[in-house]
């Protein structure tokens, strides 16, 4: 398990996990960034389990626009990462 929380925030069908819920041993920094018109600049991390790397599978907004302040410092997943309730 790479993250676990009962305190996610759902935005655009994505669960944003608090930073302290991440199992940080599986996360590797990435230089990749993207821009959302209403949230701001997203930064990425890759997930590494053993020799397997899921590149840029995690994103977060370190300094989101005002409209997205509630997800500041929270992490969301994609690229096949399964979220279970």
N, C-alpha and C. Protein backbone atom coordinates (compact mmCIF):
# COMPACT_ATOMS: atom_id res chain seq x y z
N UNK A 1 0.85 -1.17 0.00
CA UNK A 1 0.00 0.00 0.00
C UNK A 1 0.90 1.24 0.00
N UNK A 2 0.60 2.15 -0.92
CA UNK A 2 1.44 3.35 -1.04
C UNK A 2 0.87 4.55 -0.31
N UNK A 3 -0.44 4.52 0.00
CA UNK A 3 -1.07 5.60 0.76
C UNK A 3 -2.35 5.08 1.38
N UNK A 4 -2.69 5.63 2.55
CA UNK A 4 -3.94 5.22 3.21
C UNK A 4 -4.46 6.39 4.03
N UNK A 5 -5.75 6.71 3.80
CA UNK A 5 -6.36 7.82 4.55
C UNK A 5 -7.87 7.74 4.47
N UNK A 6 -8.52 8.16 5.54
CA UNK A 6 -9.96 8.38 5.56
C UNK A 6 -10.28 9.85 5.37
N UNK A 7 -9.26 10.63 5.00
CA UNK A 7 -9.38 12.08 4.90
C UNK A 7 -8.93 12.57 3.52
N UNK A 8 -9.51 11.98 2.47
CA UNK A 8 -9.18 12.46 1.13
C UNK A 8 -10.17 13.55 0.73
N UNK A 9 -9.75 14.38 -0.19
CA UNK A 9 -10.62 15.41 -0.76
C UNK A 9 -10.80 15.04 -2.24
N UNK A 10 -12.04 14.95 -2.68
CA UNK A 10 -12.31 14.57 -4.07
C UNK A 10 -12.53 15.82 -4.91
N UNK A 11 -11.71 15.95 -5.95
CA UNK A 11 -11.83 17.04 -6.91
C UNK A 11 -11.74 16.41 -8.30
N UNK A 12 -12.73 16.70 -9.13
CA UNK A 12 -12.77 16.16 -10.49
C UNK A 12 -12.57 14.64 -10.50
N UNK A 13 -13.24 13.94 -9.60
CA UNK A 13 -13.20 12.47 -9.47
C UNK A 13 -11.84 11.92 -9.03
N UNK A 14 -10.95 12.77 -8.55
CA UNK A 14 -9.65 12.31 -8.05
C UNK A 14 -9.60 12.49 -6.53
N UNK A 15 -9.12 11.46 -5.86
CA UNK A 15 -8.92 11.53 -4.41
C UNK A 15 -7.56 12.16 -4.15
N UNK A 16 -7.55 13.24 -3.39
CA UNK A 16 -6.31 13.90 -2.99
C UNK A 16 -6.00 13.50 -1.54
N UNK A 17 -4.87 12.83 -1.36
CA UNK A 17 -4.46 12.29 -0.07
C UNK A 17 -3.57 13.28 0.66
N UNK A 18 -3.73 13.38 2.00
CA UNK A 18 -2.81 14.23 2.76
C UNK A 18 -1.39 13.65 2.72
N UNK A 19 -0.41 14.53 2.77
CA UNK A 19 0.99 14.11 2.66
C UNK A 19 1.37 13.07 3.71
N UNK A 20 0.86 13.22 4.92
CA UNK A 20 1.26 12.28 5.97
C UNK A 20 0.65 10.88 5.80
N UNK A 21 -0.20 10.69 4.81
CA UNK A 21 -0.78 9.37 4.55
C UNK A 21 0.05 8.57 3.54
N UNK A 22 1.07 9.20 2.95
CA UNK A 22 1.88 8.53 1.94
C UNK A 22 2.96 7.66 2.58
N UNK A 23 3.18 6.50 1.99
CA UNK A 23 4.30 5.65 2.39
C UNK A 23 5.49 6.10 1.53
N UNK A 24 6.24 7.07 2.02
CA UNK A 24 7.21 7.82 1.22
C UNK A 24 8.35 6.98 0.66
N UNK A 25 8.55 5.79 1.17
CA UNK A 25 9.64 4.96 0.63
C UNK A 25 9.39 4.58 -0.83
N UNK A 26 8.14 4.71 -1.31
CA UNK A 26 7.80 4.33 -2.67
C UNK A 26 7.79 5.50 -3.65
N UNK A 27 8.10 6.71 -3.21
CA UNK A 27 7.97 7.89 -4.05
C UNK A 27 9.33 8.46 -4.44
N UNK A 28 9.45 8.81 -5.72
CA UNK A 28 10.68 9.37 -6.27
C UNK A 28 10.34 10.70 -6.93
N UNK A 29 11.11 11.74 -6.66
CA UNK A 29 10.87 13.05 -7.26
C UNK A 29 10.97 13.00 -8.77
N UNK A 30 10.22 13.87 -9.42
CA UNK A 30 10.23 14.00 -10.87
C UNK A 30 10.38 15.48 -11.23
N UNK A 31 10.93 15.74 -12.39
CA UNK A 31 11.03 17.11 -12.88
C UNK A 31 9.80 17.53 -13.68
N UNK A 32 8.90 16.60 -13.92
CA UNK A 32 7.72 16.87 -14.76
C UNK A 32 6.76 17.83 -14.06
N UNK A 33 6.19 18.74 -14.85
CA UNK A 33 5.15 19.66 -14.37
C UNK A 33 4.08 19.78 -15.44
N UNK A 34 2.88 20.14 -15.03
CA UNK A 34 1.80 20.47 -15.95
C UNK A 34 1.01 21.62 -15.35
N UNK A 35 0.16 22.23 -16.16
CA UNK A 35 -0.61 23.37 -15.68
C UNK A 35 -2.09 23.13 -15.87
N UNK A 36 -2.85 23.38 -14.84
CA UNK A 36 -4.30 23.37 -14.89
C UNK A 36 -4.77 24.81 -14.81
N UNK A 37 -5.69 25.19 -15.67
CA UNK A 37 -6.12 26.59 -15.75
C UNK A 37 -6.70 27.10 -14.44
N UNK A 38 -7.31 26.22 -13.61
CA UNK A 38 -7.92 26.74 -12.39
C UNK A 38 -7.20 26.29 -11.12
N UNK A 39 -6.34 25.27 -11.22
CA UNK A 39 -5.62 24.81 -10.03
C UNK A 39 -4.19 25.33 -9.98
N UNK A 40 -3.56 25.54 -11.13
CA UNK A 40 -2.19 26.03 -11.15
C UNK A 40 -1.21 25.00 -11.67
N UNK A 41 0.01 25.05 -11.17
CA UNK A 41 1.09 24.17 -11.64
C UNK A 41 1.13 22.91 -10.78
N UNK A 42 1.01 21.77 -11.46
CA UNK A 42 1.11 20.47 -10.79
C UNK A 42 2.54 19.97 -10.90
N UNK A 43 3.04 19.46 -9.81
CA UNK A 43 4.35 18.81 -9.79
C UNK A 43 4.07 17.31 -9.65
N UNK A 44 5.05 16.50 -10.03
CA UNK A 44 4.84 15.06 -10.09
C UNK A 44 5.89 14.28 -9.31
N UNK A 45 5.51 13.06 -8.95
CA UNK A 45 6.42 12.08 -8.39
C UNK A 45 6.16 10.76 -9.12
N UNK A 46 7.16 9.92 -9.13
CA UNK A 46 7.00 8.57 -9.67
C UNK A 46 6.90 7.60 -8.51
N UNK A 47 6.30 6.46 -8.78
CA UNK A 47 6.18 5.41 -7.77
C UNK A 47 7.17 4.31 -8.13
N UNK A 48 8.00 3.93 -7.15
CA UNK A 48 8.97 2.87 -7.38
C UNK A 48 8.77 1.77 -6.34
N UNK A 49 8.48 0.57 -6.86
CA UNK A 49 8.34 -0.60 -6.00
C UNK A 49 9.30 -1.65 -6.54
N UNK A 50 10.34 -1.93 -5.78
CA UNK A 50 11.39 -2.82 -6.27
C UNK A 50 12.06 -2.18 -7.48
N UNK A 51 12.09 -2.91 -8.59
CA UNK A 51 12.68 -2.39 -9.83
C UNK A 51 11.62 -1.75 -10.73
N UNK A 52 10.35 -1.84 -10.35
CA UNK A 52 9.26 -1.31 -11.17
C UNK A 52 9.02 0.17 -10.86
N UNK A 53 8.95 0.99 -11.91
CA UNK A 53 8.73 2.43 -11.76
C UNK A 53 7.50 2.82 -12.57
N UNK A 54 6.57 3.48 -11.93
CA UNK A 54 5.40 4.06 -12.59
C UNK A 54 5.68 5.56 -12.66
N UNK A 55 6.19 6.00 -13.81
CA UNK A 55 6.69 7.36 -13.98
C UNK A 55 5.56 8.39 -13.91
N UNK A 56 5.78 9.41 -13.10
CA UNK A 56 4.86 10.55 -12.98
C UNK A 56 3.42 10.12 -12.65
N UNK A 57 3.27 9.11 -11.82
CA UNK A 57 1.95 8.57 -11.48
C UNK A 57 1.28 9.33 -10.33
N UNK A 58 1.98 10.28 -9.75
CA UNK A 58 1.46 11.04 -8.61
C UNK A 58 1.62 12.52 -8.92
N UNK A 59 0.58 13.31 -8.63
CA UNK A 59 0.72 14.75 -8.81
C UNK A 59 0.21 15.49 -7.59
N UNK A 60 0.70 16.72 -7.44
CA UNK A 60 0.29 17.55 -6.31
C UNK A 60 0.49 19.01 -6.67
N UNK A 61 -0.18 19.87 -5.93
CA UNK A 61 -0.07 21.32 -6.13
C UNK A 61 0.56 21.93 -4.89
N UNK A 62 1.81 22.30 -4.99
CA UNK A 62 2.52 22.88 -3.86
C UNK A 62 2.02 24.29 -3.56
N UNK A 63 1.62 25.01 -4.60
CA UNK A 63 1.15 26.38 -4.44
C UNK A 63 -0.02 26.62 -5.40
N UNK A 64 -1.18 26.01 -5.11
CA UNK A 64 -2.31 26.13 -6.03
C UNK A 64 -2.92 27.52 -6.05
N UNK A 65 -3.69 27.78 -7.09
CA UNK A 65 -4.45 29.03 -7.17
C UNK A 65 -5.49 29.04 -6.05
N UNK A 66 -6.02 30.21 -5.74
CA UNK A 66 -6.97 30.36 -4.64
C UNK A 66 -8.14 29.40 -4.72
N UNK A 67 -8.63 29.15 -5.93
CA UNK A 67 -9.80 28.27 -6.11
C UNK A 67 -9.52 26.83 -5.68
N UNK A 68 -8.26 26.46 -5.59
CA UNK A 68 -7.89 25.08 -5.28
C UNK A 68 -7.09 24.96 -3.98
N UNK A 69 -7.14 25.96 -3.13
CA UNK A 69 -6.34 25.95 -1.89
C UNK A 69 -6.59 24.71 -1.02
N UNK A 70 -7.80 24.13 -1.12
CA UNK A 70 -8.11 22.99 -0.25
C UNK A 70 -7.28 21.74 -0.58
N UNK A 71 -6.65 21.70 -1.77
CA UNK A 71 -5.83 20.54 -2.11
C UNK A 71 -4.33 20.83 -2.01
N UNK A 72 -3.99 21.97 -1.46
CA UNK A 72 -2.57 22.32 -1.31
C UNK A 72 -1.84 21.23 -0.52
N UNK A 73 -0.74 20.74 -1.08
CA UNK A 73 0.07 19.74 -0.40
C UNK A 73 -0.55 18.36 -0.34
N UNK A 74 -1.62 18.13 -1.09
CA UNK A 74 -2.25 16.81 -1.15
C UNK A 74 -1.87 16.13 -2.45
N UNK A 75 -1.93 14.81 -2.47
CA UNK A 75 -1.41 14.02 -3.58
C UNK A 75 -2.51 13.18 -4.21
N UNK A 76 -2.54 13.16 -5.54
CA UNK A 76 -3.50 12.36 -6.29
C UNK A 76 -2.74 11.39 -7.20
N UNK A 77 -3.43 10.34 -7.63
CA UNK A 77 -2.80 9.25 -8.37
C UNK A 77 -3.52 8.97 -9.68
N UNK A 78 -2.76 8.45 -10.64
CA UNK A 78 -3.32 7.99 -11.91
C UNK A 78 -2.38 6.96 -12.50
N UNK A 79 -2.46 6.71 -13.79
CA UNK A 79 -1.61 5.73 -14.48
C UNK A 79 -1.73 4.34 -13.87
N UNK A 80 -2.97 3.91 -13.64
CA UNK A 80 -3.21 2.55 -13.17
C UNK A 80 -3.18 2.36 -11.67
N UNK A 81 -2.95 3.41 -10.89
CA UNK A 81 -2.95 3.27 -9.44
C UNK A 81 -4.40 3.12 -8.99
N UNK A 82 -4.68 2.06 -8.27
CA UNK A 82 -6.04 1.73 -7.86
C UNK A 82 -6.36 2.34 -6.50
N UNK A 83 -7.48 3.07 -6.44
CA UNK A 83 -7.96 3.65 -5.19
C UNK A 83 -9.09 2.77 -4.68
N UNK A 84 -8.96 2.27 -3.46
CA UNK A 84 -10.00 1.43 -2.87
C UNK A 84 -10.59 2.14 -1.67
N UNK A 85 -11.89 1.98 -1.50
CA UNK A 85 -12.57 2.58 -0.35
C UNK A 85 -12.73 1.59 0.77
